[in-house]
Amino acid sequence: MGQTTQRFSTEKGNFIMIIRAMPVGPLQANCYIVGCEETRHAAVIDPGGDVDQILLALAKDRLTLKAIINTHGHFDHVSANKALKKATGAELMIHPQDAPMLAQLSGAAAMWGMRSEDSPEPDRLLEDGDTVTVGHIVFKVLHTPGHTPGGISLYTDNAVFVGDTLFAGSIGRTDFPGGDFDTLIRSIHTKLFTLPDDVAVYAGHMEATTIGREKRYNPFCGIR
């Protein structure tokens, strides 16, 4: 776990936000543990597998899980929902347009020759403009469809967790059911590229980047 985990501590006013990135599951999707150092409350964003590693990381940082947030419903980002919720009792959240996918994870994974447990139903449905508060951290929900109809990004101060909407030098696939290229590009331009250039972008795959870097250099997004 140590070799596949990065920890960042960023000053947020009077408290520190801890961000731990963990590639999990057979497709090595990025799972993020985001914790408030003062309250020790945390959210897990996109638990795609390896629940034991996630729980170990939470324990190592002495964090209590309060929220499990799915940026979208693809199995490689949500396969540990059931085990993580059972172990922690944390509230499970997703956008309503992707919520039906949670009951179909086993079939979706089987199409890739993989296995996944179906997820419990969400406790909370997140809409554009909603907020999720974890300790002193407040995530603003941005509906960013295109990769999936119910894809969301989570913005807090100078960090945004974008799932498979935007990557370093690339964008999410739109050839899966429910994907749409024009919708994805519109989401990136109207919801993400309106954020400040120095905002760190934590994506569902690959390394972190910034809004400014992607506006200048991402070949799919057309801004120079």
C-alpha atoms as a PDB file:
ATOM      1  CA  MET A   1       0.000   0.000   0.000  1.00  0.00           C
ATOM      2  CA  GLY A   2       2.836   2.403   0.737  1.00  0.00           C
ATOM      3  CA  GLN A   3       4.086   2.336  -2.834  1.00  0.00           C
ATOM      4  CA  THR A   4       0.654   3.032  -4.309  1.00  0.00           C
ATOM      5  CA  THR A   5      -0.383   5.743  -1.891  1.00  0.00           C
ATOM      6  CA  GLN A   6       0.311   9.462  -1.869  1.00  0.00           C
ATOM      7  CA  ARG A   7      -0.597  11.778   0.936  1.00  0.00           C
ATOM      8  CA  PHE A   8      -1.015  15.535   0.640  1.00  0.00           C
ATOM      9  CA  SER A   9      -1.658  17.977   3.466  1.00  0.00           C
ATOM     10  CA  THR A  10      -2.990  21.373   2.379  1.00  0.00           C
ATOM     11  CA  GLU A  11      -3.712  24.336   4.627  1.00  0.00           C
ATOM     12  CA  LYS A  12      -7.419  25.223   4.446  1.00  0.00           C
ATOM     13  CA  GLY A  13      -7.917  28.249   6.622  1.00  0.00           C
ATOM     14  CA  ASN A  14      -7.661  27.021  10.191  1.00  0.00           C
ATOM     15  CA  PHE A  15      -7.462  23.322   9.406  1.00  0.00           C
ATOM     16  CA  ILE A  16      -5.624  20.849   7.243  1.00  0.00           C
ATOM     17  CA  MET A  17      -7.230  18.713   4.544  1.00  0.00           C
ATOM     18  CA  ILE A  18      -5.604  15.333   4.060  1.00  0.00           C
ATOM     19  CA  ILE A  19      -5.855  13.779   0.592  1.00  0.00           C
ATOM     20  CA  ARG A  20      -4.715  10.222   0.125  1.00  0.00           C
ATOM     21  CA  ALA A  21      -4.781   8.794  -3.413  1.00  0.00           C
ATOM     22  CA  MET A  22      -4.940   5.025  -3.791  1.00  0.00           C
ATOM     23  CA  PRO A  23      -5.135   3.075  -7.076  1.00  0.00           C
ATOM     24  CA  VAL A  24      -7.510   0.195  -6.317  1.00  0.00           C
ATOM     25  CA  GLY A  25      -9.169  -2.749  -8.020  1.00  0.00           C
ATOM     26  CA  PRO A  26      -8.153  -4.648 -11.161  1.00  0.00           C
ATOM     27  CA  LEU A  27      -8.303  -1.507 -13.317  1.00  0.00           C
ATOM     28  CA  GLN A  28      -6.353   0.575 -10.761  1.00  0.00           C
ATOM     29  CA  ALA A  29      -8.901   3.369 -10.574  1.00  0.00           C
ATOM     30  CA  ASN A  30      -7.968   6.181  -8.223  1.00  0.00           C
ATOM     31  CA  CYS A  31      -9.770   6.095  -4.878  1.00  0.00           C
ATOM     32  CA  TYR A  32      -9.406   9.191  -2.713  1.00  0.00           C
ATOM     33  CA  ILE A  33      -9.600   9.470   1.051  1.00  0.00           C
ATOM     34  CA  VAL A  34     -10.225  13.105   1.969  1.00  0.00           C
ATOM     35  CA  GLY A  35     -10.050  13.899   5.663  1.00  0.00           C
ATOM     36  CA  CYS A  36     -10.304  16.854   8.032  1.00  0.00           C
ATOM     37  CA  GLU A  37      -7.304  16.749  10.337  1.00  0.00           C
ATOM     38  CA  GLU A  38      -9.069  18.602  13.158  1.00  0.00           C
ATOM     39  CA  THR A  39     -12.276  16.540  13.353  1.00  0.00           C
ATOM     40  CA  ARG A  40     -10.758  13.317  11.924  1.00  0.00           C
ATOM     41  CA  HIS A  41     -13.862  12.912   9.746  1.00  0.00           C
ATOM     42  CA  ALA A  42     -13.371  11.695   6.183  1.00  0.00           C
ATOM     43  CA  ALA A  43     -14.993  10.950   2.845  1.00  0.00           C
ATOM     44  CA  VAL A  44     -13.974   8.180   0.478  1.00  0.00           C
ATOM     45  CA  ILE A  45     -14.450   9.079  -3.169  1.00  0.00           C
ATOM     46  CA  ASP A  46     -14.775   6.173  -5.630  1.00  0.00           C
ATOM     47  CA  PRO A  47     -13.963   2.998  -3.664  1.00  0.00           C
ATOM     48  CA  GLY A  48     -13.364   0.750  -6.664  1.00  0.00           C
ATOM     49  CA  GLY A  49     -11.960  -2.236  -4.772  1.00  0.00           C
ATOM     50  CA  ASP A  50      -9.365  -3.352  -2.220  1.00  0.00           C
ATOM     51  CA  VAL A  51     -11.546  -2.449   0.741  1.00  0.00           C
ATOM     52  CA  ASP A  52      -8.946  -3.764   3.216  1.00  0.00           C
ATOM     53  CA  GLN A  53      -6.410  -1.232   1.910  1.00  0.00           C
ATOM     54  CA  ILE A  54      -8.950   1.567   2.216  1.00  0.00           C
ATOM     55  CA  LEU A  55      -9.816   0.613   5.786  1.00  0.00           C
ATOM     56  CA  LEU A  56      -6.136   0.308   6.683  1.00  0.00           C
ATOM     57  CA  ALA A  57      -5.440   3.784   5.318  1.00  0.00           C
ATOM     58  CA  LEU A  58      -8.352   5.248   7.272  1.00  0.00           C
ATOM     59  CA  ALA A  59      -7.059   3.611  10.455  1.00  0.00           C
ATOM     60  CA  LYS A  60      -3.503   4.772   9.811  1.00  0.00           C
ATOM     61  CA  ASP A  61      -4.670   8.366   9.573  1.00  0.00           C
ATOM     62  CA  ARG A  62      -7.085   7.887  12.519  1.00  0.00           C
ATOM     63  CA  LEU A  63     -10.018   8.941  10.344  1.00  0.00           C
ATOM     64  CA  THR A  64     -13.690   8.096  10.812  1.00  0.00           C
ATOM     65  CA  LEU A  65     -15.502   7.579   7.529  1.00  0.00           C
ATOM     66  CA  LYS A  66     -18.670   9.661   7.209  1.00  0.00           C
ATOM     67  CA  ALA A  67     -19.385   9.635   3.474  1.00  0.00           C
ATOM     68  CA  ILE A  68     -18.839   7.323   0.519  1.00  0.00           C
ATOM     69  CA  ILE A  69     -19.206   9.402  -2.655  1.00  0.00           C
ATOM     70  CA  ASN A  70     -19.372   7.897  -6.143  1.00  0.00           C
ATOM     71  CA  THR A  71     -18.453  10.266  -8.965  1.00  0.00           C
ATOM     72  CA  HIS A  72     -20.235   7.880 -11.342  1.00  0.00           C
ATOM     73  CA  GLY A  73     -21.581   4.349 -11.449  1.00  0.00           C
ATOM     74  CA  HIS A  74     -18.956   2.340 -13.355  1.00  0.00           C
ATOM     75  CA  PHE A  75     -17.923  -0.810 -11.508  1.00  0.00           C
ATOM     76  CA  ASP A  76     -14.218   0.059 -11.357  1.00  0.00           C
ATOM     77  CA  HIS A  77     -15.088   3.067  -9.190  1.00  0.00           C
ATOM     78  CA  VAL A  78     -17.758   1.621  -6.910  1.00  0.00           C
ATOM     79  CA  SER A  79     -17.092  -2.105  -6.415  1.00  0.00           C
ATOM     80  CA  ALA A  80     -16.138  -1.681  -2.737  1.00  0.00           C
ATOM     81  CA  ASN A  81     -19.309   0.264  -1.866  1.00  0.00           C
ATOM     82  CA  LYS A  82     -20.976  -2.708  -0.186  1.00  0.00           C
ATOM     83  CA  ALA A  83     -17.997  -3.845   1.895  1.00  0.00           C
ATOM     84  CA  LEU A  84     -16.980  -0.304   2.877  1.00  0.00           C
ATOM     85  CA  LYS A  85     -20.496   0.669   3.927  1.00  0.00           C
ATOM     86  CA  LYS A  86     -20.876  -2.567   5.908  1.00  0.00           C
ATOM     87  CA  ALA A  87     -17.596  -1.941   7.730  1.00  0.00           C
ATOM     88  CA  THR A  88     -18.174   1.739   8.511  1.00  0.00           C
ATOM     89  CA  GLY A  89     -21.869   2.584   8.252  1.00  0.00           C
ATOM     90  CA  ALA A  90     -20.951   5.655   6.198  1.00  0.00           C
ATOM     91  CA  GLU A  91     -23.592   7.375   4.075  1.00  0.00           C
ATOM     92  CA  LEU A  92     -23.471   6.351   0.389  1.00  0.00           C
ATOM     93  CA  MET A  93     -24.019   9.088  -2.208  1.00  0.00           C
ATOM     94  CA  ILE A  94     -24.346   9.276  -6.003  1.00  0.00           C
ATOM     95  CA  HIS A  95     -26.193  11.302  -8.652  1.00  0.00           C
ATOM     96  CA  PRO A  96     -29.730   9.973  -9.337  1.00  0.00           C
ATOM     97  CA  GLN A  97     -29.031   9.345 -13.035  1.00  0.00           C
ATOM     98  CA  ASP A  98     -26.251   6.882 -12.187  1.00  0.00           C
ATOM     99  CA  ALA A  99     -27.922   5.335  -9.134  1.00  0.00           C
ATOM    100  CA  PRO A 100     -29.560   2.492 -11.137  1.00  0.00           C
ATOM    101  CA  MET A 101     -26.099   1.293 -12.198  1.00  0.00           C
ATOM    102  CA  LEU A 102     -25.292   0.300  -8.615  1.00  0.00           C
ATOM    103  CA  ALA A 103     -27.647  -2.691  -8.792  1.00  0.00           C
ATOM    104  CA  GLN A 104     -26.012  -3.913 -12.019  1.00  0.00           C
ATOM    105  CA  LEU A 105     -22.334  -4.020 -11.059  1.00  0.00           C
ATOM    106  CA  SER A 106     -21.920  -7.790 -11.177  1.00  0.00           C
ATOM    107  CA  GLY A 107     -23.167  -7.942 -14.758  1.00  0.00           C
ATOM    108  CA  ALA A 108     -21.113  -4.927 -15.841  1.00  0.00           C
ATOM    109  CA  ALA A 109     -17.918  -6.409 -14.380  1.00  0.00           C
ATOM    110  CA  ALA A 110     -18.634  -9.813 -15.960  1.00  0.00           C
ATOM    111  CA  MET A 111     -18.603  -8.195 -19.402  1.00  0.00           C
ATOM    112  CA  TRP A 112     -14.944  -7.364 -18.730  1.00  0.00           C
ATOM    113  CA  GLY A 113     -14.191 -10.820 -17.336  1.00  0.00           C
ATOM    114  CA  MET A 114     -14.085  -9.455 -13.793  1.00  0.00           C
ATOM    115  CA  ARG A 115     -16.130  -9.761 -10.607  1.00  0.00           C
ATOM    116  CA  SER A 116     -17.959  -7.188  -8.550  1.00  0.00           C
ATOM    117  CA  GLU A 117     -20.588  -7.167  -5.841  1.00  0.00           C
ATOM    118  CA  ASP A 118     -23.716  -5.135  -6.490  1.00  0.00           C
ATOM    119  CA  SER A 119     -23.862  -2.030  -4.353  1.00  0.00           C
ATOM    120  CA  PRO A 120     -26.444  -1.140  -1.725  1.00  0.00           C
ATOM    121  CA  GLU A 121     -28.897   1.584  -2.671  1.00  0.00           C
ATOM    122  CA  PRO A 122     -27.607   5.098  -2.030  1.00  0.00           C
ATOM    123  CA  ASP A 123     -28.557   6.900   1.157  1.00  0.00           C
ATOM    124  CA  ARG A 124     -28.428  10.288  -0.538  1.00  0.00           C
ATOM    125  CA  LEU A 125     -28.862  11.428  -4.144  1.00  0.00           C
ATOM    126  CA  LEU A 126     -26.642  14.342  -5.112  1.00  0.00           C
ATOM    127  CA  GLU A 127     -27.769  17.058  -7.506  1.00  0.00           C
ATOM    128  CA  ASP A 128     -25.856  19.913  -9.112  1.00  0.00           C
ATOM    129  CA  GLY A 129     -25.209  22.638  -6.539  1.00  0.00           C
ATOM    130  CA  ASP A 130     -25.622  20.400  -3.495  1.00  0.00           C
ATOM    131  CA  THR A 131     -22.980  20.396  -0.778  1.00  0.00           C
ATOM    132  CA  VAL A 132     -21.500  17.558   1.250  1.00  0.00           C
ATOM    133  CA  THR A 133     -19.874  18.523   4.548  1.00  0.00           C
ATOM    134  CA  VAL A 134     -17.228  16.315   6.143  1.00  0.00           C
ATOM    135  CA  GLY A 135     -15.680  17.907   9.204  1.00  0.00           C
ATOM    136  CA  HIS A 136     -14.623  21.381   8.048  1.00  0.00           C
ATOM    137  CA  ILE A 137     -14.475  20.287   4.403  1.00  0.00           C
ATOM    138  CA  VAL A 138     -17.369  21.350   2.195  1.00  0.00           C
ATOM    139  CA  PHE A 139     -17.636  19.684  -1.214  1.00  0.00           C
ATOM    140  CA  LYS A 140     -19.743  21.449  -3.836  1.00  0.00           C
ATOM    141  CA  VAL A 141     -21.386  19.015  -6.257  1.00  0.00           C
ATOM    142  CA  LEU A 142     -20.920  19.834  -9.944  1.00  0.00           C
ATOM    143  CA  HIS A 143     -22.984  17.747 -12.374  1.00  0.00           C
ATOM    144  CA  THR A 144     -20.504  16.889 -15.130  1.00  0.00           C
ATOM    145  CA  PRO A 145     -22.224  14.396 -17.456  1.00  0.00           C
ATOM    146  CA  GLY A 146     -20.749  12.997 -20.650  1.00  0.00           C
ATOM    147  CA  HIS A 147     -18.781   9.980 -19.488  1.00  0.00           C
ATOM    148  CA  THR A 148     -21.993   8.848 -17.811  1.00  0.00           C
ATOM    149  CA  PRO A 149     -25.322  10.703 -17.527  1.00  0.00           C
ATOM    150  CA  GLY A 150     -24.945  11.136 -13.773  1.00  0.00           C
ATOM    151  CA  GLY A 151     -21.244  11.927 -13.556  1.00  0.00           C
ATOM    152  CA  ILE A 152     -20.344  14.462 -10.882  1.00  0.00           C
ATOM    153  CA  SER A 153     -17.265  16.362  -9.772  1.00  0.00           C
ATOM    154  CA  LEU A 154     -16.617  17.469  -6.189  1.00  0.00           C
ATOM    155  CA  TYR A 155     -15.087  20.923  -5.686  1.00  0.00           C
ATOM    156  CA  THR A 156     -13.618  22.150  -2.434  1.00  0.00           C
ATOM    157  CA  ASP A 157     -11.425  25.258  -2.241  1.00  0.00           C
ATOM    158  CA  ASN A 158      -8.423  24.552  -4.513  1.00  0.00           C
ATOM    159  CA  ALA A 159      -9.121  20.889  -5.301  1.00  0.00           C
ATOM    160  CA  VAL A 160     -11.664  19.174  -7.541  1.00  0.00           C
ATOM    161  CA  PHE A 161     -12.299  15.435  -7.780  1.00  0.00           C
ATOM    162  CA  VAL A 162     -13.523  14.763 -11.309  1.00  0.00           C
ATOM    163  CA  GLY A 163     -13.926  11.004 -11.670  1.00  0.00           C
ATOM    164  CA  ASP A 164     -13.564  10.085 -15.350  1.00  0.00           C
ATOM    165  CA  THR A 165     -14.600  13.474 -16.738  1.00  0.00           C
ATOM    166  CA  LEU A 166     -11.126  14.956 -17.228  1.00  0.00           C
ATOM    167  CA  PHE A 167      -7.618  13.500 -17.140  1.00  0.00           C
ATOM    168  CA  ALA A 168      -4.103  14.899 -17.407  1.00  0.00           C
ATOM    169  CA  GLY A 169      -3.868  15.465 -21.165  1.00  0.00           C
ATOM    170  CA  SER A 170      -7.033  13.527 -21.925  1.00  0.00           C
ATOM    171  CA  ILE A 171     -10.761  13.138 -21.241  1.00  0.00           C
ATOM    172  CA  GLY A 172     -13.108  10.332 -20.230  1.00  0.00           C
ATOM    173  CA  ARG A 173     -14.387   7.804 -22.747  1.00  0.00           C
ATOM    174  CA  THR A 174     -17.772   8.508 -24.291  1.00  0.00           C
ATOM    175  CA  ASP A 175     -18.295   5.223 -26.177  1.00  0.00           C
ATOM    176  CA  PHE A 176     -19.915   3.422 -23.230  1.00  0.00           C
ATOM    177  CA  PRO A 177     -23.734   3.348 -22.848  1.00  0.00           C
ATOM    178  CA  GLY A 178     -24.930   6.771 -21.752  1.00  0.00           C
ATOM    179  CA  GLY A 179     -21.756   8.542 -22.870  1.00  0.00           C
ATOM    180  CA  ASP A 180     -21.796  11.567 -25.164  1.00  0.00           C
ATOM    181  CA  PHE A 181     -18.753  13.476 -26.417  1.00  0.00           C
ATOM    182  CA  ASP A 182     -20.422  16.875 -26.894  1.00  0.00           C
ATOM    183  CA  THR A 183     -21.974  16.672 -23.433  1.00  0.00           C
ATOM    184  CA  LEU A 184     -18.613  15.811 -21.878  1.00  0.00           C
ATOM    185  CA  ILE A 185     -16.828  18.721 -23.543  1.00  0.00           C
ATOM    186  CA  ARG A 186     -19.613  21.061 -22.457  1.00  0.00           C
ATOM    187  CA  SER A 187     -19.278  19.817 -18.871  1.00  0.00           C
ATOM    188  CA  ILE A 188     -15.540  20.450 -18.928  1.00  0.00           C
ATOM    189  CA  HIS A 189     -15.915  23.963 -20.364  1.00  0.00           C
ATOM    190  CA  THR A 190     -18.859  25.150 -18.274  1.00  0.00           C
ATOM    191  CA  LYS A 191     -18.244  23.415 -14.938  1.00  0.00           C
ATOM    192  CA  LEU A 192     -14.504  22.716 -14.652  1.00  0.00           C
ATOM    193  CA  PHE A 193     -12.741  25.314 -16.791  1.00  0.00           C
ATOM    194  CA  THR A 194     -14.614  28.084 -14.978  1.00  0.00           C
ATOM    195  CA  LEU A 195     -12.717  27.159 -11.793  1.00  0.00           C
ATOM    196  CA  PRO A 196      -9.469  29.020 -10.948  1.00  0.00           C
ATOM    197  CA  ASP A 197      -6.382  27.890 -12.862  1.00  0.00           C
ATOM    198  CA  ASP A 198      -4.538  26.803  -9.721  1.00  0.00           C
ATOM    199  CA  VAL A 199      -7.213  24.307  -8.659  1.00  0.00           C
ATOM    200  CA  ALA A 200      -5.733  20.805  -8.406  1.00  0.00           C
ATOM    201  CA  VAL A 201      -7.556  18.176 -10.467  1.00  0.00           C
ATOM    202  CA  TYR A 202      -7.752  14.686  -8.961  1.00  0.00           C
ATOM    203  CA  ALA A 203      -8.958  12.315 -11.653  1.00  0.00           C
ATOM    204  CA  GLY A 204     -10.219   8.756 -11.636  1.00  0.00           C
ATOM    205  CA  HIS A 205      -7.124   7.508 -13.442  1.00  0.00           C
ATOM    206  CA  MET A 206      -3.566   8.767 -13.971  1.00  0.00           C
ATOM    207  CA  GLU A 207      -1.790  11.522 -12.082  1.00  0.00           C
ATOM    208  CA  ALA A 208      -3.116  14.791 -10.706  1.00  0.00           C
ATOM    209  CA  THR A 209      -3.058  17.941 -12.815  1.00  0.00           C
ATOM    210  CA  THR A 210      -4.440  21.500 -12.595  1.00  0.00           C
ATOM    211  CA  ILE A 211      -7.275  23.339 -14.278  1.00  0.00           C
ATOM    212  CA  GLY A 212      -4.857  25.844 -15.820  1.00  0.00           C
ATOM    213  CA  ARG A 213      -2.628  23.132 -17.268  1.00  0.00           C
ATOM    214  CA  GLU A 214      -5.558  21.356 -18.907  1.00  0.00           C
ATOM    215  CA  LYS A 215      -6.973  24.602 -20.298  1.00  0.00           C
ATOM    216  CA  ARG A 216      -3.643  25.339 -21.941  1.00  0.00           C
ATOM    217  CA  TYR A 217      -2.442  21.928 -23.068  1.00  0.00           C
ATOM    218  CA  ASN A 218      -5.262  19.357 -23.163  1.00  0.00           C
ATOM    219  CA  PRO A 219      -5.620  18.512 -26.881  1.00  0.00           C
ATOM    220  CA  PHE A 220      -9.280  17.478 -26.534  1.00  0.00           C
ATOM    221  CA  CYS A 221     -10.596  20.652 -24.981  1.00  0.00           C
ATOM    222  CA  GLY A 222      -9.802  23.386 -27.489  1.00  0.00           C
ATOM    223  CA  ILE A 223      -8.669  26.237 -25.231  1.00  0.00           C
ATOM    224  CA  ARG A 224      -5.278  27.904 -25.693  1.00  0.00           C
END
